[in-house]
Amino acid sequence: MYGHPVPPVPLDQPDYRAGFGAATARFWRKTFDGSGRAGLREFGFGYLGFTLAFTALCAPLMLALVIVLVLMMLLGLTFWMGNPNAAPDDVLQLGIHSMAPYWWLAYPALLILIGAPGMVTLTIRRLHDTGRSGGWALLWLAPYGWLVLTVMCFGPSKTEGLRFDRSPYPILPPTPPGGVRHENPRPQHW
């Protein structure tokens, strides 16, 4: 077993041994593909990879925003927040009066819009692996629905999820201790 390279898992199959890099790469490669299944490691590391990337890309913006706010407080420039005592000429010179409180939201919102399809499809694929329909992903739209989805997605993989595979020969999760792996896990319907 040692010294032999492990072939990569096809994208249409769940990767139960995915590490951080492989799961993050699969997250971006399958951003618009909700078919198939995603193993628990692929799900967890995929979300972690997106969260870290989002944080790393937004951190400079947040730091710049804090620096600007501190400098404005030190210099006494509060008119950008709608101070009624500010002179109209001061507001016009900066030209940011109407957008200043909101401009910094555009960049994180754009990153969320870029990552949202990947998060939704990864959730759908994980739900498939737990034997549930991807329609449960609509809980994202409900208040506290993300909490229910988290519990559902961190559940165990089930053989009922095989019906969502494209390939007739699925790569099964490791056999549990004392468990029996069947040669053909897909039921035959005559």
C-alpha atoms as a PDB file:
ATOM      1  CA  MET A   1       0.000   0.000   0.000  1.00  0.00           C
ATOM      2  CA  TYR A   2       2.827   2.370   0.780  1.00  0.00           C
ATOM      3  CA  GLY A   3       4.709   3.646  -2.223  1.00  0.00           C
ATOM      4  CA  HIS A   4       1.846   3.054  -4.637  1.00  0.00           C
ATOM      5  CA  PRO A   5       0.199   6.211  -5.912  1.00  0.00           C
ATOM      6  CA  VAL A   6      -3.511   6.461  -5.283  1.00  0.00           C
ATOM      7  CA  PRO A   7      -5.381   7.384  -8.457  1.00  0.00           C
ATOM      8  CA  PRO A   8      -7.479  10.543  -8.238  1.00  0.00           C
ATOM      9  CA  VAL A   9     -11.178  10.076  -7.670  1.00  0.00           C
ATOM     10  CA  PRO A  10     -13.274  11.052 -10.714  1.00  0.00           C
ATOM     11  CA  LEU A  11     -15.260  14.256 -10.301  1.00  0.00           C
ATOM     12  CA  ASP A  12     -18.560  12.412 -10.658  1.00  0.00           C
ATOM     13  CA  GLN A  13     -17.764  10.280  -7.578  1.00  0.00           C
ATOM     14  CA  PRO A  14     -17.516  11.372  -3.923  1.00  0.00           C
ATOM     15  CA  ASP A  15     -13.977  11.680  -2.586  1.00  0.00           C
ATOM     16  CA  TYR A  16     -13.995  10.192   0.900  1.00  0.00           C
ATOM     17  CA  ARG A  17     -10.276  10.726   1.455  1.00  0.00           C
ATOM     18  CA  ALA A  18     -10.059  14.292   0.139  1.00  0.00           C
ATOM     19  CA  GLY A  19      -7.610  16.541   1.887  1.00  0.00           C
ATOM     20  CA  PHE A  20      -7.866  20.296   2.163  1.00  0.00           C
ATOM     21  CA  GLY A  21      -6.332  21.081  -1.248  1.00  0.00           C
ATOM     22  CA  ALA A  22      -8.221  18.395  -3.158  1.00  0.00           C
ATOM     23  CA  ALA A  23     -11.549  19.318  -1.562  1.00  0.00           C
ATOM     24  CA  THR A  24     -11.074  23.018  -2.291  1.00  0.00           C
ATOM     25  CA  ALA A  25     -10.113  22.256  -5.896  1.00  0.00           C
ATOM     26  CA  ARG A  26     -13.195  20.037  -6.290  1.00  0.00           C
ATOM     27  CA  PHE A  27     -15.324  22.814  -4.758  1.00  0.00           C
ATOM     28  CA  TRP A  28     -14.292  25.241  -7.519  1.00  0.00           C
ATOM     29  CA  ARG A  29     -14.307  22.665 -10.343  1.00  0.00           C
ATOM     30  CA  LYS A  30     -17.870  21.618  -9.535  1.00  0.00           C
ATOM     31  CA  THR A  31     -19.192  25.094  -8.738  1.00  0.00           C
ATOM     32  CA  PHE A  32     -22.109  24.769 -11.158  1.00  0.00           C
ATOM     33  CA  ASP A  33     -22.577  20.977 -10.972  1.00  0.00           C
ATOM     34  CA  GLY A  34     -25.018  19.719  -8.342  1.00  0.00           C
ATOM     35  CA  SER A  35     -25.120  16.166  -9.664  1.00  0.00           C
ATOM     36  CA  GLY A  36     -23.400  13.301  -7.925  1.00  0.00           C
ATOM     37  CA  ARG A  37     -22.318  13.122  -4.310  1.00  0.00           C
ATOM     38  CA  ALA A  38     -19.749  14.705  -1.967  1.00  0.00           C
ATOM     39  CA  GLY A  39     -18.105  12.889   0.923  1.00  0.00           C
ATOM     40  CA  LEU A  40     -17.975  14.388   4.379  1.00  0.00           C
ATOM     41  CA  ARG A  41     -14.301  15.366   4.122  1.00  0.00           C
ATOM     42  CA  GLU A  42     -14.914  16.942   0.720  1.00  0.00           C
ATOM     43  CA  PHE A  43     -17.840  18.886   2.176  1.00  0.00           C
ATOM     44  CA  GLY A  44     -16.038  20.070   5.307  1.00  0.00           C
ATOM     45  CA  PHE A  45     -12.758  20.972   3.648  1.00  0.00           C
ATOM     46  CA  GLY A  46     -14.548  22.570   0.680  1.00  0.00           C
ATOM     47  CA  TYR A  47     -16.459  24.913   2.953  1.00  0.00           C
ATOM     48  CA  LEU A  48     -13.341  25.596   5.003  1.00  0.00           C
ATOM     49  CA  GLY A  49     -11.381  26.426   1.838  1.00  0.00           C
ATOM     50  CA  PHE A  50     -14.019  28.863   0.640  1.00  0.00           C
ATOM     51  CA  THR A  51     -14.287  30.471   4.081  1.00  0.00           C
ATOM     52  CA  LEU A  52     -10.517  30.941   4.328  1.00  0.00           C
ATOM     53  CA  ALA A  53     -10.310  32.351   0.792  1.00  0.00           C
ATOM     54  CA  PHE A  54     -13.204  34.718   1.515  1.00  0.00           C
ATOM     55  CA  THR A  55     -11.564  35.865   4.751  1.00  0.00           C
ATOM     56  CA  ALA A  56      -8.156  36.316   3.112  1.00  0.00           C
ATOM     57  CA  LEU A  57      -9.631  38.359   0.273  1.00  0.00           C
ATOM     58  CA  CYS A  58     -11.801  40.502   2.550  1.00  0.00           C
ATOM     59  CA  ALA A  59      -9.240  41.056   5.317  1.00  0.00           C
ATOM     60  CA  PRO A  60      -7.300  43.810   3.470  1.00  0.00           C
ATOM     61  CA  LEU A  61     -10.544  45.635   2.749  1.00  0.00           C
ATOM     62  CA  MET A  62     -11.693  45.415   6.352  1.00  0.00           C
ATOM     63  CA  LEU A  63      -8.275  46.586   7.565  1.00  0.00           C
ATOM     64  CA  ALA A  64      -8.401  49.543   5.174  1.00  0.00           C
ATOM     65  CA  LEU A  65     -11.894  50.386   6.379  1.00  0.00           C
ATOM     66  CA  VAL A  66     -10.766  50.369  10.017  1.00  0.00           C
ATOM     67  CA  ILE A  67      -7.785  52.589   9.168  1.00  0.00           C
ATOM     68  CA  VAL A  68     -10.027  55.047   7.308  1.00  0.00           C
ATOM     69  CA  LEU A  69     -12.509  55.147  10.182  1.00  0.00           C
ATOM     70  CA  VAL A  70      -9.774  55.709  12.760  1.00  0.00           C
ATOM     71  CA  LEU A  71      -8.177  58.461  10.673  1.00  0.00           C
ATOM     72  CA  MET A  72     -11.507  60.161  10.140  1.00  0.00           C
ATOM     73  CA  MET A  73     -12.251  60.049  13.856  1.00  0.00           C
ATOM     74  CA  LEU A  74      -8.791  61.422  14.705  1.00  0.00           C
ATOM     75  CA  LEU A  75      -9.148  64.228  12.165  1.00  0.00           C
ATOM     76  CA  GLY A  76     -12.719  64.977  13.157  1.00  0.00           C
ATOM     77  CA  LEU A  77     -14.150  64.174   9.723  1.00  0.00           C
ATOM     78  CA  THR A  78     -17.580  62.850  10.580  1.00  0.00           C
ATOM     79  CA  PHE A  79     -19.643  64.484   7.850  1.00  0.00           C
ATOM     80  CA  TRP A  80     -19.451  61.398   5.642  1.00  0.00           C
ATOM     81  CA  MET A  81     -21.828  59.681   8.047  1.00  0.00           C
ATOM     82  CA  GLY A  82     -24.491  62.312   7.509  1.00  0.00           C
ATOM     83  CA  ASN A  83     -23.510  64.987  10.025  1.00  0.00           C
ATOM     84  CA  PRO A  84     -26.090  67.765   9.576  1.00  0.00           C
ATOM     85  CA  ASN A  85     -23.520  70.390  10.643  1.00  0.00           C
ATOM     86  CA  ALA A  86     -21.203  69.673   7.721  1.00  0.00           C
ATOM     87  CA  ALA A  87     -20.894  72.329   5.075  1.00  0.00           C
ATOM     88  CA  PRO A  88     -22.308  71.313   1.666  1.00  0.00           C
ATOM     89  CA  ASP A  89     -19.007  72.260  -0.013  1.00  0.00           C
ATOM     90  CA  ASP A  90     -17.088  69.780   2.163  1.00  0.00           C
ATOM     91  CA  VAL A  91     -19.453  66.977   1.182  1.00  0.00           C
ATOM     92  CA  LEU A  92     -19.263  67.826  -2.519  1.00  0.00           C
ATOM     93  CA  GLN A  93     -15.463  67.997  -2.475  1.00  0.00           C
ATOM     94  CA  LEU A  94     -15.137  64.424  -1.282  1.00  0.00           C
ATOM     95  CA  GLY A  95     -18.021  63.168  -3.409  1.00  0.00           C
ATOM     96  CA  ILE A  96     -18.564  60.147  -1.201  1.00  0.00           C
ATOM     97  CA  HIS A  97     -21.370  61.374   1.013  1.00  0.00           C
ATOM     98  CA  SER A  98     -24.076  59.123  -0.382  1.00  0.00           C
ATOM     99  CA  MET A  99     -21.930  56.006  -0.864  1.00  0.00           C
ATOM    100  CA  ALA A 100     -19.429  56.174   1.993  1.00  0.00           C
ATOM    101  CA  PRO A 101     -21.342  54.035   4.486  1.00  0.00           C
ATOM    102  CA  TYR A 102     -22.049  51.332   1.860  1.00  0.00           C
ATOM    103  CA  TRP A 103     -19.202  51.167  -0.677  1.00  0.00           C
ATOM    104  CA  TRP A 104     -17.199  48.694   1.341  1.00  0.00           C
ATOM    105  CA  LEU A 105     -20.045  46.171   1.196  1.00  0.00           C
ATOM    106  CA  ALA A 106     -19.707  45.740  -2.569  1.00  0.00           C
ATOM    107  CA  TYR A 107     -16.514  43.667  -2.502  1.00  0.00           C
ATOM    108  CA  PRO A 108     -17.622  41.070   0.089  1.00  0.00           C
ATOM    109  CA  ALA A 109     -21.034  40.886  -1.589  1.00  0.00           C
ATOM    110  CA  LEU A 110     -19.328  40.177  -4.913  1.00  0.00           C
ATOM    111  CA  LEU A 111     -17.223  37.418  -3.332  1.00  0.00           C
ATOM    112  CA  ILE A 112     -20.333  35.869  -1.789  1.00  0.00           C
ATOM    113  CA  LEU A 113     -22.102  35.953  -5.156  1.00  0.00           C
ATOM    114  CA  ILE A 114     -19.116  34.238  -6.759  1.00  0.00           C
ATOM    115  CA  GLY A 115     -18.984  31.531  -4.082  1.00  0.00           C
ATOM    116  CA  ALA A 116     -22.731  31.021  -3.523  1.00  0.00           C
ATOM    117  CA  PRO A 117     -23.272  28.608  -6.446  1.00  0.00           C
ATOM    118  CA  GLY A 118     -20.403  26.450  -5.212  1.00  0.00           C
ATOM    119  CA  MET A 119     -21.731  26.420  -1.654  1.00  0.00           C
ATOM    120  CA  VAL A 120     -25.234  25.489  -2.809  1.00  0.00           C
ATOM    121  CA  THR A 121     -24.081  22.743  -5.187  1.00  0.00           C
ATOM    122  CA  LEU A 122     -21.672  21.335  -2.588  1.00  0.00           C
ATOM    123  CA  THR A 123     -24.559  21.198  -0.110  1.00  0.00           C
ATOM    124  CA  ILE A 124     -26.743  19.456  -2.703  1.00  0.00           C
ATOM    125  CA  ARG A 125     -24.052  16.884  -3.435  1.00  0.00           C
ATOM    126  CA  ARG A 126     -23.513  16.258   0.284  1.00  0.00           C
ATOM    127  CA  LEU A 127     -27.262  15.817   0.778  1.00  0.00           C
ATOM    128  CA  HIS A 128     -27.188  13.271  -2.051  1.00  0.00           C
ATOM    129  CA  ASP A 129     -24.461  11.334  -0.231  1.00  0.00           C
ATOM    130  CA  THR A 130     -26.599  11.211   2.916  1.00  0.00           C
ATOM    131  CA  GLY A 131     -29.452   9.750   0.840  1.00  0.00           C
ATOM    132  CA  ARG A 132     -31.540  12.937   0.685  1.00  0.00           C
ATOM    133  CA  SER A 133     -32.845  14.950  -2.222  1.00  0.00           C
ATOM    134  CA  GLY A 134     -31.054  18.141  -3.182  1.00  0.00           C
ATOM    135  CA  GLY A 135     -34.350  19.965  -2.709  1.00  0.00           C
ATOM    136  CA  TRP A 136     -33.520  20.164   0.984  1.00  0.00           C
ATOM    137  CA  ALA A 137     -30.983  22.838   0.011  1.00  0.00           C
ATOM    138  CA  LEU A 138     -33.916  25.256  -0.210  1.00  0.00           C
ATOM    139  CA  LEU A 139     -33.609  25.462   3.564  1.00  0.00           C
ATOM    140  CA  TRP A 140     -30.881  28.049   2.856  1.00  0.00           C
ATOM    141  CA  LEU A 141     -33.763  30.446   2.263  1.00  0.00           C
ATOM    142  CA  ALA A 142     -35.484  29.768   5.597  1.00  0.00           C
ATOM    143  CA  PRO A 143     -34.525  31.433   8.867  1.00  0.00           C
ATOM    144  CA  TYR A 144     -32.127  29.116  10.692  1.00  0.00           C
ATOM    145  CA  GLY A 145     -32.396  26.708   7.777  1.00  0.00           C
ATOM    146  CA  TRP A 146     -28.599  26.680   7.541  1.00  0.00           C
ATOM    147  CA  LEU A 147     -28.511  25.108  10.994  1.00  0.00           C
ATOM    148  CA  VAL A 148     -30.793  22.252   9.925  1.00  0.00           C
ATOM    149  CA  LEU A 149     -28.734  21.798   6.746  1.00  0.00           C
ATOM    150  CA  THR A 150     -25.522  21.643   8.751  1.00  0.00           C
ATOM    151  CA  VAL A 151     -26.887  18.836  10.897  1.00  0.00           C
ATOM    152  CA  MET A 152     -28.159  17.003   7.797  1.00  0.00           C
ATOM    153  CA  CYS A 153     -24.888  17.395   5.904  1.00  0.00           C
ATOM    154  CA  PHE A 154     -22.714  16.169   8.764  1.00  0.00           C
ATOM    155  CA  GLY A 155     -24.715  12.944   8.912  1.00  0.00           C
ATOM    156  CA  PRO A 156     -23.243   9.637   7.739  1.00  0.00           C
ATOM    157  CA  SER A 157     -23.030   8.570   4.117  1.00  0.00           C
ATOM    158  CA  LYS A 158     -25.785   6.164   3.111  1.00  0.00           C
ATOM    159  CA  THR A 159     -26.092   3.662   0.288  1.00  0.00           C
ATOM    160  CA  GLU A 160     -29.380   5.312  -0.720  1.00  0.00           C
ATOM    161  CA  GLY A 161     -27.221   8.082  -2.155  1.00  0.00           C
ATOM    162  CA  LEU A 162     -25.954   5.766  -4.889  1.00  0.00           C
ATOM    163  CA  ARG A 163     -29.013   6.640  -6.963  1.00  0.00           C
ATOM    164  CA  PHE A 164     -27.504  10.092  -7.585  1.00  0.00           C
ATOM    165  CA  ASP A 165     -24.324   8.711  -9.187  1.00  0.00           C
ATOM    166  CA  ARG A 166     -23.692   8.875 -12.909  1.00  0.00           C
ATOM    167  CA  SER A 167     -21.288   5.957 -12.994  1.00  0.00           C
ATOM    168  CA  PRO A 168     -22.662   2.394 -12.710  1.00  0.00           C
ATOM    169  CA  TYR A 169     -19.605   1.403 -10.607  1.00  0.00           C
ATOM    170  CA  PRO A 170     -19.436   3.740  -7.620  1.00  0.00           C
ATOM    171  CA  ILE A 171     -16.432   4.154  -5.379  1.00  0.00           C
ATOM    172  CA  LEU A 172     -17.750   3.178  -1.972  1.00  0.00           C
ATOM    173  CA  PRO A 173     -16.679   4.636   1.348  1.00  0.00           C
ATOM    174  CA  PRO A 174     -14.287   2.525   3.397  1.00  0.00           C
ATOM    175  CA  THR A 175     -15.845  -0.559   4.930  1.00  0.00           C
ATOM    176  CA  PRO A 176     -16.755   0.019   8.568  1.00  0.00           C
ATOM    177  CA  PRO A 177     -14.982  -2.147  11.138  1.00  0.00           C
ATOM    178  CA  GLY A 178     -16.750  -5.482  11.242  1.00  0.00           C
ATOM    179  CA  GLY A 179     -18.931  -4.440   8.317  1.00  0.00           C
ATOM    180  CA  VAL A 180     -19.496  -6.289   5.092  1.00  0.00           C
ATOM    181  CA  ARG A 181     -19.030  -4.696   1.712  1.00  0.00           C
ATOM    182  CA  HIS A 182     -21.275  -6.079  -0.985  1.00  0.00           C
ATOM    183  CA  GLU A 183     -19.890  -6.557  -4.473  1.00  0.00           C
ATOM    184  CA  ASN A 184     -22.845  -4.831  -6.116  1.00  0.00           C
ATOM    185  CA  PRO A 185     -24.290  -2.171  -3.797  1.00  0.00           C
ATOM    186  CA  ARG A 186     -26.787  -0.964  -6.388  1.00  0.00           C
ATOM    187  CA  PRO A 187     -30.054  -2.914  -6.166  1.00  0.00           C
ATOM    188  CA  GLN A 188     -31.064  -4.769  -9.309  1.00  0.00           C
ATOM    189  CA  HIS A 189     -34.548  -3.927 -10.545  1.00  0.00           C
ATOM    190  CA  TRP A 190     -35.941  -6.450 -13.028  1.00  0.00           C
END
